[in-house]
Amino acid sequence: MNTEKRICQSCGMPLENDPNKGGTNSDKSLSDKFCSFCFQDGIFIDEVISKEEKIEKNIKIAVSMMNVSEKAAREMAEKIIPNLERWKK
């Protein structure tokens, strides 16, 4: 049995924490890769954001909404985001 948590392949949020249970594909089915904060109706909400901008955005969210220090948030974002499917090139 796979006990590894599935995370959004755009922002790194555990999909189990998504209040909407995931983003939506163009056919309105639930995405098994992306959260509802990143992906709706088959497109990325922040479609033109760069990887570096996404890292900065996630740091701000972690600091303001999750009470994480900026240093810890930066370390986490810089470690996780570049390895997610959306940002790998």
Protein backbone atom coordinates (compact mmCIF):
# COMPACT_ATOMS: atom_id res chain seq x y z
CA MET A 1 0.00 0.00 0.00
CA ASN A 2 1.33 3.43 -0.97
CA THR A 3 1.31 5.68 2.10
CA GLU A 4 3.04 8.58 0.36
CA LYS A 5 0.95 11.75 0.46
CA ARG A 6 -0.12 13.12 -2.89
CA ILE A 7 0.76 16.76 -3.33
CA CYS A 8 -0.24 19.37 -5.86
CA GLN A 9 2.24 19.24 -8.71
CA SER A 10 2.13 23.03 -9.01
CA CYS A 11 2.37 24.35 -5.42
CA GLY A 12 3.22 21.34 -3.24
CA MET A 13 0.13 21.47 -1.00
CA PRO A 14 -1.04 18.05 0.19
CA LEU A 15 -4.13 17.30 -1.88
CA GLU A 16 -5.87 15.96 1.21
CA ASN A 17 -5.79 19.53 2.60
CA ASP A 18 -7.67 20.94 -0.41
CA PRO A 19 -11.19 21.86 0.75
CA ASN A 20 -12.44 21.12 -2.79
CA LYS A 21 -10.61 17.75 -2.99
CA GLY A 22 -8.58 18.92 -6.00
CA GLY A 23 -8.65 21.14 -9.02
CA THR A 24 -10.86 20.46 -12.01
CA ASN A 25 -9.99 19.28 -15.49
CA SER A 26 -11.59 20.80 -18.59
CA ASP A 27 -14.33 18.13 -18.44
CA LYS A 28 -15.08 19.17 -14.81
CA SER A 29 -13.64 15.92 -13.40
CA LEU A 30 -11.33 16.22 -10.39
CA SER A 31 -7.63 16.52 -11.13
CA ASP A 32 -5.48 13.96 -9.36
CA LYS A 33 -2.37 16.15 -9.80
CA PHE A 34 -3.33 19.73 -8.99
CA CYS A 35 -5.19 21.53 -6.20
CA SER A 36 -8.17 23.83 -6.64
CA PHE A 37 -6.03 26.85 -5.72
CA CYS A 38 -3.80 26.23 -8.77
CA PHE A 39 -5.95 24.48 -11.39
CA GLN A 40 -9.57 25.02 -12.49
CA ASP A 41 -11.37 23.95 -15.64
CA GLY A 42 -8.17 22.50 -17.10
CA ILE A 43 -6.03 25.63 -16.82
CA PHE A 44 -3.67 27.03 -14.22
CA ILE A 45 -5.14 30.00 -12.36
CA ASP A 46 -1.70 31.63 -12.40
CA GLU A 47 -0.86 30.41 -15.89
CA VAL A 48 1.78 33.05 -16.63
CA ILE A 49 3.62 32.86 -13.29
CA SER A 50 7.27 31.81 -13.39
CA LYS A 51 8.77 29.18 -11.13
CA GLU A 52 10.62 31.89 -9.20
CA GLU A 53 7.41 33.92 -8.77
CA LYS A 54 5.59 30.79 -7.58
CA ILE A 55 8.28 30.21 -4.97
CA GLU A 56 7.91 33.78 -3.70
CA LYS A 57 4.11 33.49 -3.70
CA ASN A 58 4.26 30.27 -1.65
CA ILE A 59 6.66 31.86 0.83
CA LYS A 60 4.21 34.74 1.41
CA ILE A 61 1.32 32.31 1.89
CA ALA A 62 3.28 30.14 4.33
CA VAL A 63 4.38 33.15 6.39
CA SER A 64 0.99 34.90 6.48
CA MET A 65 -1.43 31.97 6.66
CA MET A 66 0.56 29.09 8.14
CA ASN A 67 2.65 30.98 10.70
CA VAL A 68 5.91 29.64 9.22
CA SER A 69 9.08 31.71 9.47
CA GLU A 70 10.26 33.27 6.22
CA LYS A 71 13.52 31.30 6.40
CA ALA A 72 11.72 27.97 6.87
CA ALA A 73 9.17 28.83 4.18
CA ARG A 74 11.92 29.74 1.71
CA GLU A 75 13.86 26.53 2.40
CA MET A 76 10.72 24.46 1.93
CA ALA A 77 9.56 26.25 -1.24
CA GLU A 78 13.01 26.19 -2.87
CA LYS A 79 13.33 22.47 -2.12
CA ILE A 80 9.85 21.36 -3.21
CA ILE A 81 8.62 23.55 -6.07
CA PRO A 82 11.45 22.99 -8.59
CA ASN A 83 10.82 19.22 -8.30
CA LEU A 84 7.11 19.36 -9.05
CA GLU A 85 5.79 18.20 -12.41
CA ARG A 86 4.68 21.67 -13.53
CA TRP A 87 8.12 23.22 -13.02
CA LYS A 88 10.43 20.45 -14.22
CA LYS A 89 11.89 21.23 -17.62
